[in-house]
Every structure is written in structure tokens, then in C-alpha cells.
Amino acid sequence: MNNPTDIAQSEIDDLIRSEQDPRNRAMLLVLAKIASTLTDNTRLTREIGDRLEDHLTSYERKAASDADTAGPATIRLATTQLYAGGSVRLASGVLG
């Protein structure tokens, strides 16, 4: 099946060929070129938008996965205790 854009372009080309007035033909050529450029730009913009959306979705999944993997913050503590009599004891632990 033919693409509707191809059919429309074919009809526009036929109109341009059948136009007898050179001024009108030139105007139709310019308008056809503008329409073609806008169609191409719209298609490319959609493709870029789709790719950016895919990238954002992938990034959000990765960020959520990284957040789940990291879990709550872990803080390591080290304390020094000085006892009467001059002995020193180092105690360590994990808070989190």
C-alpha cells in the first residue's frame, strides 16, 4: 500500500506540472519544498522525542535500581574510651 504522504506528493507534483502560469508554478514549487521540509522536520522531531523518552525511561529505571541497591545510608562509628588507670579501648560499630 502506498504511503499517504507519497500520494499527496504525487498529486502536488501533478499540479505543478499542469500549471501553465510560470509565476504560479514557481509559487507551487516553493510551497511544495516548504511542505516537504516541514514533513521531514516533523518526522525527525518525533524520532528524537521517542529516543529521548526511551533514554529517560532507562535512566529512571537505573536510578531506582541504584537507590534500591544502596539501601539506607550506613555510618561507621569509631569511639575511643579512656578508662581510669590509663587503659585505652577502641570500640567500633555500625549505625544505620
Protein backbone atom coordinates (compact mmCIF):
# COMPACT_ATOMS: atom_id res chain seq x y z
CA MET A 1 0.00 0.00 0.00
CA ASN A 2 1.24 3.49 -0.79
CA ASN A 3 2.11 5.95 1.91
CA PRO A 4 -0.45 8.84 2.11
CA THR A 5 2.44 11.30 2.09
CA ASP A 6 3.73 9.79 -1.16
CA ILE A 7 0.26 10.02 -2.73
CA ALA A 8 -0.10 13.65 -1.65
CA GLN A 9 3.36 14.47 -3.01
CA SER A 10 2.47 12.82 -6.32
CA GLU A 11 -0.70 14.92 -6.56
CA ILE A 12 1.27 18.08 -5.79
CA ASP A 13 3.83 17.19 -8.47
CA ASP A 14 0.99 16.67 -10.97
CA LEU A 15 -0.48 20.09 -10.10
CA ILE A 16 2.90 21.75 -10.56
CA ARG A 17 3.44 20.06 -13.95
CA SER A 18 -0.03 21.02 -15.16
CA GLU A 19 0.27 24.69 -14.13
CA GLN A 20 0.68 26.89 -17.21
CA ASP A 21 1.47 30.20 -15.50
CA PRO A 22 5.23 30.32 -14.68
CA ARG A 23 4.60 32.56 -11.69
CA ASN A 24 2.05 30.18 -10.19
CA ARG A 25 4.30 27.22 -10.98
CA ALA A 26 7.19 28.88 -9.14
CA MET A 27 4.92 29.57 -6.16
CA LEU A 28 3.75 25.94 -6.13
CA LEU A 29 7.36 24.72 -6.27
CA VAL A 30 8.31 26.89 -3.28
CA LEU A 31 5.25 25.78 -1.31
CA ALA A 32 5.93 22.12 -2.14
CA LYS A 33 9.52 22.47 -0.91
CA ILE A 34 8.35 24.12 2.32
CA ALA A 35 5.78 21.35 2.88
CA SER A 36 8.39 18.67 2.23
CA THR A 37 10.85 20.27 4.65
CA LEU A 38 8.21 20.62 7.36
CA THR A 39 7.18 16.98 6.92
CA ASP A 40 10.79 15.81 7.23
CA ASN A 41 11.40 18.02 10.27
CA THR A 42 8.24 16.76 11.97
CA ARG A 43 9.26 13.14 11.38
CA LEU A 44 12.77 13.74 12.72
CA THR A 45 11.44 15.62 15.74
CA ARG A 46 9.15 12.69 16.57
CA GLU A 47 12.03 10.23 16.23
CA ILE A 48 14.24 12.32 18.51
CA GLY A 49 11.40 12.69 21.01
CA ASP A 50 10.87 8.92 21.05
CA ARG A 51 14.58 8.30 21.57
CA LEU A 52 14.74 10.85 24.39
CA GLU A 53 11.69 9.29 26.04
CA ASP A 54 13.33 5.84 25.84
CA HIS A 55 16.54 7.26 27.30
CA LEU A 56 14.67 8.97 30.16
CA THR A 57 12.77 5.79 30.97
CA SER A 58 16.01 3.81 31.03
CA TYR A 59 17.67 6.42 33.25
CA GLU A 60 14.75 6.44 35.71
CA ARG A 61 14.82 2.63 35.95
CA LYS A 62 18.58 2.67 36.56
CA ALA A 63 18.30 5.41 39.19
CA ALA A 64 15.55 3.49 41.01
CA SER A 65 17.59 0.30 40.85
CA ASP A 66 20.67 2.07 42.20
CA ALA A 67 18.62 3.60 45.03
CA ASP A 68 17.23 0.16 45.97
CA THR A 69 20.70 -1.39 45.88
CA ALA A 70 22.30 1.30 48.04
CA GLY A 71 19.66 0.97 50.74
CA PRO A 72 19.76 3.20 53.78
CA ALA A 73 22.94 5.10 54.47
CA THR A 74 25.43 3.30 56.65
CA ILE A 75 27.58 5.27 59.05
CA ARG A 76 30.59 3.65 60.65
CA LEU A 77 31.45 4.85 64.13
CA ALA A 78 34.68 4.57 65.98
CA THR A 79 34.97 5.76 69.54
CA THR A 80 37.85 5.88 71.94
CA GLN A 81 37.21 5.21 75.58
CA LEU A 82 39.71 6.19 78.22
CA TYR A 83 39.43 4.22 81.44
CA ALA A 84 40.68 5.17 84.82
CA GLY A 85 44.09 3.71 85.24
CA GLY A 86 45.24 4.77 81.80
CA SER A 87 44.00 1.92 79.62
CA VAL A 88 42.52 2.83 76.23
CA ARG A 89 39.90 0.80 74.43
CA LEU A 90 38.81 1.36 70.81
CA ALA A 91 35.21 0.43 70.11
CA SER A 92 33.67 0.42 66.68
CA GLY A 93 30.20 -0.16 65.40
CA VAL A 94 27.79 0.42 62.56
CA LEU A 95 24.88 2.80 62.72
CA GLY A 96 22.25 2.59 60.05
